Amino acid sequence: MDFDRDKVVAAFLVESEEGLQLMEQALVALEGDIDNNELLNDIFRVVHTIKGNASALDFPQLAGFAHVAEDLLELARTKQAAISKELVSLLLSAVDALRALVPAAAEGNDRLSSSQRAIKQQIAQQLSLARSASQTAAKATASSHAAIPATANQPSRNRTLRVDIEKLDEMLNLTGEIAIAQGQLRRKLEALNTEAGREVLEMHREAERLYKDLQEQVMDVRMVPVGPLFQQLIRAVRDISQGHNKLARLEIVGAEVEVDTRVLEQLKDPLLHMIRNAIDHGIESPAERHARGKNPCGSLKLRAFHTAGNIMIQLSDDGAGFNRQRIVNKAKALGWLEDGEKLSDQDVFRLVFNAGFSTAEQVTDLSGRGVGMDVVRRNIDSLRGNIEIQSVEGEGATITIRLPLTLAIIEGFSVVIGGETYVIPLEMISECLNLPQERNSSSNGGVLNLRGEALPFVRLRDVLGAGGVAPARENVVVLQYEGGRAGLAVDELLGESQAIIKPLSRLFQQVRGISGSTILGDGRVALILDVSTLMREAIAQNLAALN
């Protein structure tokens, strides 16, 4: 019988990572529910499976590490080792070690590092202590496998299939290519203007409707729930708070909400930075919380929900909130604000996303270098999203992230500059208007009076360095971003259309103001504009002009 070892190892990697995620979540839950035998059984099965698979694939060091962890878990299951904070921490360290050992063994490096040997030794010492405290430990260990129901290792046969995300990307790309070809064919049929042509055109429209259904199905396949990612953050809250002598728990709401898998991949780092910031700057020490009449254990709530074609993610805490005056003082010290300059709360809170900004008095492993929230903003920008902060000092803060459901398709608005078409994400546009005649000059931009409010604007032609001569009559697209607005002057407005996003090649990835490309119905390529960069350009130019 043929044996494709590479495929078996690949399946081992995927199954082990899923099992270790389950084990980590169960261990954190077990810390607050020490009598939950089902959680212990789930944890035991994960380690038992990894040990068995490692032995079958001839990874003796990995199997040996899993074996001592399995023995310790068996003593916990038979009540010979008490579930404690220290035991859970040790087993979580074992999870971290296994996360590194599994892929290393798969790559041919089945060896324990010094830190992994130390963890294995700690587990062995814990085993020795527990066994010496009970005369019946040997019998319990010998019967460990019999204690598991016969069906425990038989996974439920769900009608599911593992598919590489690259294949889904290619499927989506092909549906986009089909849409372009269909659009070209439709225009040819419309140009025939004959009875036969009209009949064929009607048949083609029916095919387009079927294609649209297919495209929606492909998009649905890419959607995954946010729950597994959110659950991973429960341990981060536990470890960070305990490491800094604080108490905090994470509540998850909306775990079933789905989002494109590509969006989910890029959310973990921003959420982790936000949690670190909330615990370090927001959640007070237990004694301080008690003195303020609060529960000594701080509460963080991570919530996801859909609204208007977007996914909203909110992280709330009941800590001290953002200290507005401290932020303003720090910004003045950095030379970002002038004395007497008045800012709204949103303007003040947005300062924390600037690179190099931190109100921490000393550098710690959590904060002080001014890079955490900057990473959050840059990652959210790369996802074509925006982020806002709401805070009440002494009561807590809420950070809200708005993201598109998918990075693969957008509802876009097409504009023309110098004969070339560009696409702006539709959700970023609030309105369009004519540029007043007195503003039609060679100036790069300026400020418009929009119903009594100042609207800074820039010419897209100047931002992109486009050639040609501006028309006598220009239009302004009003963009909204992070609670602010700015205008983008363009030659012509073409209207709404759906765009299949294609990434830029490496040669163009650093071009300012461009986030991707798409193929238009006539086969031409159009660039997709990076609204966040253009907004900052408009505001920066406006401030420079005022100074």
Protein backbone atom coordinates (compact mmCIF):
# COMPACT_ATOMS: atom_id res chain seq x y z
CA MET A 1 0.00 0.00 0.00
CA ASP A 2 1.32 3.43 -0.96
CA PHE A 3 2.09 5.75 1.96
CA ASP A 4 2.40 9.47 1.24
CA ARG A 5 4.28 10.58 4.36
CA ASP A 6 4.20 14.27 3.39
CA LYS A 7 0.41 14.31 3.28
CA VAL A 8 0.16 12.46 6.60
CA VAL A 9 2.57 14.92 8.25
CA ALA A 10 0.63 17.87 6.80
CA ALA A 11 -2.60 16.46 8.28
CA PHE A 12 -0.78 15.90 11.60
CA LEU A 13 0.27 19.57 11.69
CA VAL A 14 -3.27 20.84 11.08
CA GLU A 15 -4.93 18.45 13.54
CA SER A 16 -2.33 19.13 16.23
CA GLU A 17 -2.74 22.92 15.98
CA GLU A 18 -6.52 22.59 16.24
CA GLY A 19 -6.14 20.25 19.21
CA LEU A 20 -3.70 22.56 20.99
CA GLN A 21 -6.08 25.50 20.55
CA LEU A 22 -8.84 23.41 22.13
CA MET A 23 -6.49 22.34 24.93
CA GLU A 24 -5.45 25.93 25.67
CA GLN A 25 -9.06 27.15 25.85
CA ALA A 26 -10.08 24.18 28.03
CA LEU A 27 -7.20 24.77 30.45
CA VAL A 28 -8.12 28.43 30.92
CA ALA A 29 -11.76 27.42 31.48
CA LEU A 30 -10.66 24.66 33.89
CA GLU A 31 -8.94 27.20 36.13
CA GLY A 32 -12.36 28.61 37.03
CA ASP A 33 -14.18 25.25 37.03
CA ILE A 34 -11.81 22.73 38.61
CA ASP A 35 -14.45 20.01 38.99
CA ASN A 36 -15.34 19.91 35.28
CA ASN A 37 -14.32 16.39 34.24
CA GLU A 38 -15.38 16.93 30.63
CA LEU A 39 -12.79 19.68 30.24
CA LEU A 40 -10.11 17.38 31.69
CA ASN A 41 -11.11 14.60 29.31
CA ASP A 42 -10.94 16.96 26.33
CA ILE A 43 -7.44 18.09 27.35
CA PHE A 44 -6.30 14.49 27.92
CA ARG A 45 -7.52 13.36 24.50
CA VAL A 46 -5.58 16.11 22.73
CA VAL A 47 -2.28 15.10 24.36
CA HIS A 48 -3.03 11.39 23.93
CA THR A 49 -3.69 11.89 20.20
CA ILE A 50 -0.53 13.95 19.68
CA LYS A 51 1.51 11.29 21.48
CA GLY A 52 0.03 8.49 19.36
CA ASN A 53 0.53 10.34 16.08
CA ALA A 54 4.09 11.34 17.02
CA SER A 55 4.94 7.72 17.81
CA ALA A 56 3.45 6.52 14.50
CA LEU A 57 5.47 9.12 12.59
CA ASP A 58 8.66 8.24 14.51
CA PHE A 59 9.08 11.48 16.45
CA PRO A 60 10.36 9.98 19.75
CA GLN A 61 11.26 13.26 21.50
CA LEU A 62 7.87 14.80 20.74
CA ALA A 63 6.11 11.59 21.80
CA GLY A 64 8.14 11.49 25.04
CA PHE A 65 7.22 15.08 25.92
CA ALA A 66 3.53 14.40 25.23
CA HIS A 67 3.76 11.20 27.31
CA VAL A 68 4.83 12.94 30.54
CA ALA A 69 2.12 15.58 30.03
CA GLU A 70 -0.40 12.77 29.51
CA ASP A 71 0.71 11.08 32.74
CA LEU A 72 0.24 14.30 34.70
CA LEU A 73 -3.22 14.81 33.21
CA GLU A 74 -4.15 11.23 34.11
CA LEU A 75 -3.29 11.93 37.75
CA ALA A 76 -5.49 15.03 37.60
CA ARG A 77 -8.35 12.99 36.11
CA THR A 78 -8.08 10.43 38.91
CA LYS A 79 -7.95 13.21 41.55
CA GLN A 80 -4.37 12.33 42.56
CA ALA A 81 -3.11 15.74 41.45
CA ALA A 82 -5.09 18.79 42.51
CA ILE A 83 -6.14 21.32 39.87
CA SER A 84 -4.49 24.57 40.85
CA LYS A 85 -3.34 27.82 39.30
CA GLU A 86 0.23 26.48 39.29
CA LEU A 87 -0.76 23.22 37.58
CA VAL A 88 -2.74 25.04 34.90
CA SER A 89 0.19 27.39 34.28
CA LEU A 90 2.53 24.40 33.91
CA LEU A 91 0.20 22.71 31.44
CA LEU A 92 -0.17 25.95 29.47
CA SER A 93 3.62 26.04 29.25
CA ALA A 94 3.42 22.49 27.88
CA VAL A 95 0.95 23.71 25.22
CA ASP A 96 3.43 26.39 24.17
CA ALA A 97 6.21 23.83 24.03
CA LEU A 98 4.11 21.44 21.93
CA ARG A 99 3.22 24.28 19.56
CA ALA A 100 6.92 24.65 18.83
CA LEU A 101 7.81 20.94 18.92
CA VAL A 102 5.16 19.72 16.45
CA PRO A 103 6.21 21.84 13.42
CA ALA A 104 9.90 21.40 14.30
CA ALA A 105 9.52 17.60 14.32
CA ALA A 106 7.60 17.74 11.03
CA GLU A 107 10.58 19.57 9.51
CA GLY A 108 12.99 16.89 10.73
CA ASN A 109 14.15 18.58 13.95
CA ASP A 110 12.76 16.23 16.61
CA ARG A 111 14.81 17.62 19.51
CA LEU A 112 13.96 19.42 22.73
CA SER A 113 15.40 22.84 23.42
CA SER A 114 16.79 23.68 26.84
CA SER A 115 13.56 25.47 27.82
CA GLN A 116 11.45 22.53 26.63
CA ARG A 117 13.62 20.09 28.61
CA ALA A 118 13.10 22.31 31.67
CA ILE A 119 9.31 22.19 31.23
CA LYS A 120 9.46 18.41 30.81
CA GLN A 121 11.50 18.18 34.02
CA GLN A 122 8.99 20.35 35.90
CA ILE A 123 6.16 18.06 34.74
CA ALA A 124 8.17 15.01 35.85
CA GLN A 125 8.75 16.56 39.28
CA GLN A 126 5.05 17.29 39.62
CA LEU A 127 4.35 13.66 38.67
CA SER A 128 6.77 12.37 41.31
CA LEU A 129 5.20 14.50 44.04
CA ALA A 130 1.68 13.39 43.15
CA ARG A 131 2.61 9.71 42.92
CA SER A 132 4.41 9.71 46.26
CA ALA A 133 1.26 11.11 47.87
CA SER A 134 -0.89 8.20 46.72
CA GLN A 135 -0.34 4.42 46.94
CA THR A 136 -2.84 3.73 44.17
CA ALA A 137 -1.23 5.93 41.52
CA ALA A 138 0.40 3.01 39.70
CA LYS A 139 -2.93 1.22 39.26
CA ALA A 140 -4.62 4.38 38.03
CA THR A 141 -1.81 4.99 35.54
CA ALA A 142 -1.99 1.43 34.25
CA SER A 143 -5.71 1.79 33.60
CA SER A 144 -5.45 5.21 31.95
CA HIS A 145 -6.41 4.03 28.49
CA ALA A 146 -9.34 1.96 29.77
CA ALA A 147 -10.72 5.06 31.45
CA ILE A 148 -11.42 6.68 28.10
CA PRO A 149 -14.68 5.60 26.47
CA ALA A 150 -14.13 3.52 23.34
CA THR A 151 -15.61 6.23 21.19
CA ALA A 152 -13.52 9.07 22.65
CA ASN A 153 -11.00 9.17 19.82
CA GLN A 154 -13.58 8.70 17.11
CA PRO A 155 -14.26 12.13 15.68
CA SER A 156 -17.80 12.95 14.63
CA ARG A 157 -18.22 12.54 10.87
CA ASN A 158 -19.17 16.04 9.86
CA ARG A 159 -19.64 16.60 6.14
CA THR A 160 -16.73 18.99 5.89
CA LEU A 161 -13.59 19.19 3.77
CA ARG A 162 -10.27 20.96 4.38
CA VAL A 163 -9.44 23.26 1.48
CA ASP A 164 -6.30 25.34 1.05
CA ILE A 165 -7.17 29.05 1.20
CA GLU A 166 -5.06 29.61 -1.93
CA LYS A 167 -7.51 27.44 -3.87
CA LEU A 168 -10.41 29.55 -2.64
CA ASP A 169 -8.53 32.68 -3.69
CA GLU A 170 -8.03 31.21 -7.15
CA MET A 171 -11.74 30.31 -7.38
CA LEU A 172 -12.68 33.86 -6.50
CA ASN A 173 -10.19 35.20 -9.02
CA LEU A 174 -11.73 33.01 -11.72
CA THR A 175 -15.24 34.23 -10.92
CA GLY A 176 -13.92 37.77 -11.34
CA GLU A 177 -12.43 36.91 -14.72
CA ILE A 178 -15.74 35.36 -15.77
CA ALA A 179 -17.57 38.54 -14.77
CA ILE A 180 -15.24 40.61 -16.96
CA ALA A 181 -15.73 38.26 -19.92
CA GLN A 182 -19.50 38.33 -19.41
CA GLY A 183 -19.51 42.13 -19.39
CA GLN A 184 -17.60 42.27 -22.67
CA LEU A 185 -19.93 39.70 -24.24
CA ARG A 186 -23.00 41.62 -23.08
CA ARG A 187 -21.79 44.81 -24.75
CA LYS A 188 -21.18 42.92 -27.99
CA LEU A 189 -24.68 41.46 -27.88
CA GLU A 190 -26.25 44.82 -27.09
CA ALA A 191 -24.48 46.30 -30.11
CA LEU A 192 -26.02 43.73 -32.50
CA ASN A 193 -29.45 45.37 -32.27
CA THR A 194 -31.21 42.49 -34.05
CA GLU A 195 -34.03 40.17 -33.05
CA ALA A 196 -31.64 37.22 -32.79
CA GLY A 197 -29.21 39.35 -30.82
CA ARG A 198 -31.93 40.33 -28.33
CA GLU A 199 -32.88 36.67 -27.82
CA VAL A 200 -29.27 35.69 -27.18
CA LEU A 201 -28.88 38.70 -24.87
CA GLU A 202 -31.83 37.53 -22.76
CA MET A 203 -30.24 34.07 -22.46
CA HIS A 204 -26.97 35.72 -21.49
CA ARG A 205 -28.70 37.70 -18.72
CA GLU A 206 -30.04 34.47 -17.26
CA ALA A 207 -26.49 33.06 -17.28
CA GLU A 208 -25.31 36.19 -15.48
CA ARG A 209 -27.90 35.66 -12.75
CA LEU A 210 -26.65 32.08 -12.28
CA TYR A 211 -23.08 33.35 -12.18
CA LYS A 212 -23.95 35.87 -9.48
CA ASP A 213 -25.37 33.03 -7.36
CA LEU A 214 -22.15 31.08 -7.89
CA GLN A 215 -20.04 34.07 -6.88
CA GLU A 216 -22.04 34.48 -3.67
CA GLN A 217 -21.52 30.79 -2.86
CA VAL A 218 -17.75 31.15 -3.37
CA MET A 219 -17.79 34.15 -1.03
CA ASP A 220 -19.77 32.21 1.59
CA VAL A 221 -17.18 29.41 1.56
CA ARG A 222 -14.51 31.95 2.55
CA MET A 223 -16.50 33.15 5.56
CA VAL A 224 -15.43 31.82 8.97
CA PRO A 225 -16.67 32.63 12.51
CA VAL A 226 -14.63 34.99 14.69
CA GLY A 227 -15.15 32.75 17.75
CA PRO A 228 -11.95 30.64 17.47
CA LEU A 229 -9.79 33.78 17.25
CA PHE A 230 -11.60 35.46 20.14
CA GLN A 231 -11.25 32.32 22.28
CA GLN A 232 -7.46 32.38 21.80
CA LEU A 233 -7.37 35.81 23.42
CA ILE A 234 -8.82 34.50 26.70
CA ARG A 235 -5.44 33.04 27.59
CA ALA A 236 -3.70 36.29 26.63
CA VAL A 237 -5.92 38.17 29.12
CA ARG A 238 -5.15 35.60 31.82
CA ASP A 239 -1.38 35.62 31.29
CA ILE A 240 -1.01 39.40 30.90
CA SER A 241 -3.14 40.26 33.94
CA GLN A 242 -1.50 37.65 36.19
CA GLY A 243 1.95 38.72 35.05
CA HIS A 244 1.24 42.29 36.21
CA ASN A 245 -0.58 41.53 39.47
CA LYS A 246 -4.01 42.39 38.12
CA LEU A 247 -7.25 40.48 37.77
CA ALA A 248 -9.14 40.52 34.48
CA ARG A 249 -11.56 38.34 32.57
CA LEU A 250 -12.67 38.43 28.95
CA GLU A 251 -16.31 38.12 27.90
CA ILE A 252 -17.02 37.21 24.27
CA VAL A 253 -20.20 38.24 22.46
CA GLY A 254 -21.01 37.37 18.84
CA ALA A 255 -18.59 34.45 18.44
CA GLU A 256 -20.77 33.09 15.63
CA VAL A 257 -20.39 36.24 13.48
CA GLU A 258 -18.61 35.40 10.22
CA VAL A 259 -15.97 37.30 8.28
CA ASP A 260 -13.68 36.59 5.33
CA THR A 261 -10.82 34.32 6.39
CA ARG A 262 -8.26 36.81 5.00
CA VAL A 263 -9.65 39.54 7.27
CA LEU A 264 -9.58 37.22 10.28
CA GLU A 265 -5.93 36.31 9.66
CA GLN A 266 -4.87 39.93 10.09
CA LEU A 267 -6.99 40.70 13.15
CA LYS A 268 -5.08 38.81 15.84
CA ASP A 269 -2.17 41.25 16.25
CA PRO A 270 -4.34 44.40 16.49
CA LEU A 271 -6.68 42.76 19.02
CA LEU A 272 -3.74 41.52 21.10
CA HIS A 273 -2.20 45.02 21.20
CA MET A 274 -5.56 46.50 22.20
CA ILE A 275 -5.92 43.97 25.03
CA ARG A 276 -2.38 44.67 26.26
CA ASN A 277 -3.12 48.39 26.24
CA ALA A 278 -6.44 47.93 28.05
CA ILE A 279 -4.87 45.87 30.84
CA ASP A 280 -1.78 48.06 31.22
CA HIS A 281 -3.38 51.52 30.98
CA GLY A 282 -7.04 50.80 31.71
CA ILE A 283 -7.59 48.03 34.25
CA GLU A 284 -6.53 49.15 37.74
CA SER A 285 -4.95 46.99 40.43
CA PRO A 286 -7.40 44.98 42.61
CA ALA A 287 -6.79 47.27 45.60
CA GLU A 288 -7.37 50.41 43.56
CA ARG A 289 -10.55 48.99 42.02
CA HIS A 290 -11.85 48.03 45.46
CA ALA A 291 -11.18 51.55 46.74
CA ARG A 292 -13.23 52.93 43.83
CA GLY A 293 -16.14 50.60 44.57
CA LYS A 294 -15.46 48.35 41.59
CA ASN A 295 -15.19 44.58 41.36
CA PRO A 296 -11.50 43.73 42.03
CA CYS A 297 -11.55 41.68 38.83
CA GLY A 298 -11.55 43.90 35.75
CA SER A 299 -13.93 43.12 32.89
CA LEU A 300 -13.13 43.20 29.19
CA LYS A 301 -15.83 42.55 26.60
CA LEU A 302 -14.99 41.60 23.01
CA ARG A 303 -18.03 41.93 20.76
CA ALA A 304 -18.59 41.31 17.04
CA PHE A 305 -21.65 42.12 14.94
CA HIS A 306 -22.63 43.00 11.38
CA THR A 307 -23.92 46.36 10.24
CA ALA A 308 -24.44 47.88 6.78
CA GLY A 309 -22.22 45.39 4.96
CA ASN A 310 -19.39 45.68 7.48
CA ILE A 311 -18.21 43.79 10.54
CA MET A 312 -17.92 45.78 13.76
CA ILE A 313 -15.53 44.65 16.49
CA GLN A 314 -15.63 46.37 19.86
CA LEU A 315 -13.30 45.94 22.82
CA SER A 316 -14.70 47.49 26.00
CA ASP A 317 -13.22 47.62 29.49
CA ASP A 318 -14.42 48.97 32.85
CA GLY A 319 -11.05 50.42 33.82
CA ALA A 320 -9.80 53.96 34.25
CA GLY A 321 -10.48 55.07 30.68
CA PHE A 322 -8.26 57.37 28.62
CA ASN A 323 -6.74 60.30 30.51
CA ARG A 324 -7.46 63.17 28.12
CA GLN A 325 -5.22 65.70 29.87
CA ARG A 326 -2.28 63.33 30.02
CA ILE A 327 -2.60 62.64 26.27
CA VAL A 328 -2.72 66.38 25.53
CA ASN A 329 0.30 67.09 27.75
CA LYS A 330 2.31 64.34 26.09
CA ALA A 331 1.38 65.60 22.62
CA LYS A 332 2.51 69.11 23.58
CA ALA A 333 5.78 67.73 24.94
CA LEU A 334 6.36 66.01 21.59
CA GLY A 335 5.63 69.25 19.74
CA TRP A 336 2.47 67.93 18.10
CA LEU A 337 0.16 70.53 19.69
CA GLU A 338 0.43 74.22 20.38
CA ASP A 339 -0.64 75.83 23.66
CA GLY A 340 -4.28 76.90 23.47
CA GLU A 341 -5.08 74.61 20.54
CA LYS A 342 -8.58 73.17 21.00
CA LEU A 343 -9.30 69.58 20.00
CA SER A 344 -12.39 67.41 20.19
CA ASP A 345 -12.24 64.21 22.24
CA GLN A 346 -11.95 62.14 19.04
CA ASP A 347 -9.04 64.29 17.83
CA VAL A 348 -7.28 63.80 21.18
CA PHE A 349 -7.90 60.05 21.27
CA ARG A 350 -6.61 59.64 17.69
CA LEU A 351 -3.22 60.92 18.88
CA VAL A 352 -2.61 57.59 20.67
CA PHE A 353 -2.39 55.87 17.27
CA ASN A 354 0.59 57.98 16.19
CA ALA A 355 3.97 56.27 16.00
CA GLY A 356 6.12 57.01 19.05
CA PHE A 357 3.26 58.11 21.28
CA SER A 358 3.00 56.67 24.79
CA THR A 359 1.85 58.07 28.13
CA ALA A 360 3.62 55.32 30.09
CA GLU A 361 6.09 56.74 32.58
CA GLN A 362 8.50 53.85 32.13
CA VAL A 363 9.12 51.14 29.54
CA THR A 364 7.70 47.73 30.45
CA ASP A 365 7.08 44.50 28.56
CA LEU A 366 3.59 45.86 27.77
CA SER A 367 4.08 49.51 26.92
CA GLY A 368 6.25 52.59 26.88
CA ARG A 369 7.76 52.42 23.41
CA GLY A 370 4.86 53.99 21.52
CA VAL A 371 4.45 51.22 18.95
CA GLY A 372 1.44 49.16 20.11
CA MET A 373 -1.47 51.36 19.05
CA ASP A 374 0.46 52.49 15.96
CA VAL A 375 0.54 48.83 14.91
CA VAL A 376 -3.22 48.65 15.48
CA ARG A 377 -3.89 51.64 13.22
CA ARG A 378 -1.58 50.46 10.44
CA ASN A 379 -3.07 46.95 10.44
CA ILE A 380 -6.63 48.27 10.39
CA ASP A 381 -5.70 50.66 7.56
CA SER A 382 -4.32 47.73 5.57
CA LEU A 383 -7.71 46.02 5.97
CA ARG A 384 -9.50 49.12 4.57
CA GLY A 385 -11.09 49.68 7.97
CA ASN A 386 -11.29 52.49 10.49
CA ILE A 387 -11.08 52.71 14.26
CA GLU A 388 -12.66 54.99 16.86
CA ILE A 389 -12.31 55.43 20.63
CA GLN A 390 -14.99 56.33 23.15
CA SER A 391 -13.98 56.84 26.77
CA VAL A 392 -15.30 58.12 30.07
CA GLU A 393 -12.49 58.81 32.51
CA GLY A 394 -12.76 56.58 35.57
CA GLU A 395 -15.41 54.35 34.00
CA GLY A 396 -13.76 52.67 31.03
CA ALA A 397 -13.25 52.83 27.29
CA THR A 398 -14.54 51.24 24.10
CA ILE A 399 -12.49 50.85 20.93
CA THR A 400 -14.58 50.15 17.82
CA ILE A 401 -13.14 48.73 14.61
CA ARG A 402 -15.18 48.82 11.39
CA LEU A 403 -14.01 46.40 8.69
CA PRO A 404 -15.27 45.18 5.32
CA LEU A 405 -16.66 41.65 5.38
CA THR A 406 -14.22 40.61 2.67
CA LEU A 407 -10.96 41.81 1.17
CA ALA A 408 -11.71 40.13 -2.14
CA ILE A 409 -14.64 42.17 -3.49
CA ILE A 410 -15.70 45.76 -2.82
CA GLU A 411 -18.54 47.97 -3.84
CA GLY A 412 -16.59 50.73 -5.51
CA PHE A 413 -17.15 54.18 -6.97
CA SER A 414 -15.25 54.91 -10.20
CA VAL A 415 -13.70 58.31 -10.96
CA VAL A 416 -11.53 59.59 -13.80
CA ILE A 417 -8.24 61.51 -13.67
CA GLY A 418 -6.29 62.32 -16.83
CA GLY A 419 -8.24 59.76 -18.82
CA GLU A 420 -7.50 56.95 -16.33
CA THR A 421 -10.12 55.30 -14.12
CA TYR A 422 -9.65 54.87 -10.37
CA VAL A 423 -11.89 53.10 -7.84
CA ILE A 424 -12.78 54.36 -4.34
CA PRO A 425 -14.39 51.98 -1.78
CA LEU A 426 -18.03 53.05 -1.67
CA GLU A 427 -18.39 52.79 2.11
CA MET A 428 -15.82 55.58 2.50
CA ILE A 429 -17.86 58.09 0.45
CA SER A 430 -20.48 60.31 2.04
CA GLU A 431 -21.39 62.49 -0.97
CA CYS A 432 -20.19 64.08 -4.21
CA LEU A 433 -20.37 67.73 -5.29
CA ASN A 434 -19.09 70.16 -7.90
CA LEU A 435 -15.89 72.04 -7.14
CA PRO A 436 -16.78 75.77 -7.02
CA GLN A 437 -15.41 77.76 -9.95
CA GLU A 438 -13.31 79.99 -7.71
CA ARG A 439 -11.43 76.87 -6.53
CA ASN A 440 -10.58 75.72 -10.08
CA SER A 441 -6.98 76.88 -10.13
CA SER A 442 -3.51 75.39 -10.24
CA SER A 443 -3.53 75.06 -6.45
CA ASN A 444 -2.96 71.52 -5.14
CA GLY A 445 -5.93 71.83 -2.82
CA GLY A 446 -7.37 73.93 -0.06
CA VAL A 447 -10.48 74.23 2.07
CA LEU A 448 -14.12 74.24 0.95
CA ASN A 449 -17.15 75.58 2.79
CA LEU A 450 -19.48 72.59 3.04
CA ARG A 451 -22.74 73.78 4.58
CA GLY A 452 -20.88 75.94 7.07
CA GLU A 453 -18.14 73.41 7.86
CA ALA A 454 -14.53 73.50 6.66
CA LEU A 455 -13.70 70.65 4.28
CA PRO A 456 -9.99 70.23 3.42
CA PHE A 457 -9.45 68.80 -0.05
CA VAL A 458 -6.63 67.76 -2.38
CA ARG A 459 -6.54 67.11 -6.11
CA LEU A 460 -6.11 63.45 -6.89
CA ARG A 461 -4.22 64.54 -10.01
CA ASP A 462 -1.51 66.15 -7.86
CA VAL A 463 -1.38 63.36 -5.27
CA LEU A 464 -0.78 60.73 -7.95
CA GLY A 465 1.34 62.92 -10.23
CA ALA A 466 -1.04 62.33 -13.15
CA GLY A 467 -0.39 64.13 -16.42
CA GLY A 468 -2.77 66.08 -18.61
CA VAL A 469 -4.74 69.25 -18.05
CA ALA A 470 -7.53 69.54 -15.49
CA PRO A 471 -11.00 70.12 -17.00
CA ALA A 472 -12.80 73.42 -16.64
CA ARG A 473 -15.26 71.80 -14.24
CA GLU A 474 -14.05 69.43 -11.52
CA ASN A 475 -15.91 67.31 -8.98
CA VAL A 476 -15.20 66.59 -5.33
CA VAL A 477 -15.74 63.23 -3.66
CA VAL A 478 -16.27 63.72 0.08
CA LEU A 479 -14.56 60.94 2.04
CA GLN A 480 -15.20 59.99 5.66
CA TYR A 481 -12.59 58.35 7.84
CA GLU A 482 -12.18 57.94 11.63
CA GLY A 483 -14.82 60.54 12.37
CA GLY A 484 -13.29 63.13 10.02
CA ARG A 485 -13.98 64.22 6.44
CA ALA A 486 -11.89 65.42 3.51
CA GLY A 487 -12.45 66.00 -0.18
CA LEU A 488 -10.80 64.51 -3.24
CA ALA A 489 -11.03 66.59 -6.44
CA VAL A 490 -11.39 64.49 -9.63
CA ASP A 491 -12.06 65.14 -13.32
CA GLU A 492 -15.16 62.99 -13.76
CA LEU A 493 -17.56 60.77 -11.78
CA LEU A 494 -18.51 57.41 -13.35
CA GLY A 495 -20.64 55.90 -10.59
CA GLU A 496 -20.94 52.67 -8.59
CA SER A 497 -19.67 49.23 -9.61
CA GLN A 498 -18.51 45.99 -7.99
CA ALA A 499 -14.75 45.45 -8.10
CA ILE A 500 -12.80 42.21 -7.76
CA ILE A 501 -9.62 43.22 -5.92
CA LYS A 502 -6.32 42.07 -7.34
CA PRO A 503 -3.13 42.67 -5.32
CA LEU A 504 -0.37 44.88 -6.64
CA SER A 505 2.97 43.39 -7.64
CA ARG A 506 5.94 44.01 -5.34
CA LEU A 507 7.13 46.76 -7.65
CA PHE A 508 4.06 48.88 -6.85
CA GLN A 509 3.22 47.87 -3.27
CA GLN A 510 4.91 50.96 -1.78
CA VAL A 511 3.14 53.44 -4.08
CA ARG A 512 1.47 56.03 -1.85
CA GLY A 513 -2.33 56.17 -2.01
CA ILE A 514 -2.92 52.87 -3.89
CA SER A 515 -4.15 49.69 -2.18
CA GLY A 516 -4.83 47.36 -5.12
CA SER A 517 -6.17 47.03 -8.62
CA THR A 518 -9.18 45.68 -10.48
CA ILE A 519 -10.15 44.89 -14.06
CA LEU A 520 -12.97 46.95 -15.53
CA GLY A 521 -15.77 45.61 -17.68
CA ASP A 522 -13.98 46.73 -20.84
CA GLY A 523 -10.82 44.83 -19.88
CA ARG A 524 -8.81 47.86 -18.72
CA VAL A 525 -7.02 47.94 -15.36
CA ALA A 526 -8.11 50.45 -12.70
CA LEU A 527 -6.23 51.22 -9.48
CA ILE A 528 -8.06 51.11 -6.12
CA LEU A 529 -7.34 54.11 -3.91
CA ASP A 530 -6.10 53.85 -0.32
CA VAL A 531 -8.53 56.24 1.36
CA SER A 532 -6.76 56.41 4.73
CA THR A 533 -3.51 57.59 3.13
CA LEU A 534 -5.32 60.13 0.95
CA MET A 535 -7.23 61.47 3.96
CA ARG A 536 -4.04 62.01 5.91
CA GLU A 537 -2.53 63.68 2.83
CA ALA A 538 -5.45 66.08 2.59
CA ILE A 539 -5.40 66.97 6.28
CA ALA A 540 -1.60 67.36 6.36
CA GLN A 541 -1.64 69.66 3.34
CA ASN A 542 -4.42 71.71 4.91
CA LEU A 543 -2.48 72.13 8.15
CA ALA A 544 0.66 73.08 6.22
CA ALA A 545 -1.28 75.71 4.29
CA LEU A 546 -2.74 77.18 7.48
CA ASN A 547 0.70 77.41 9.09
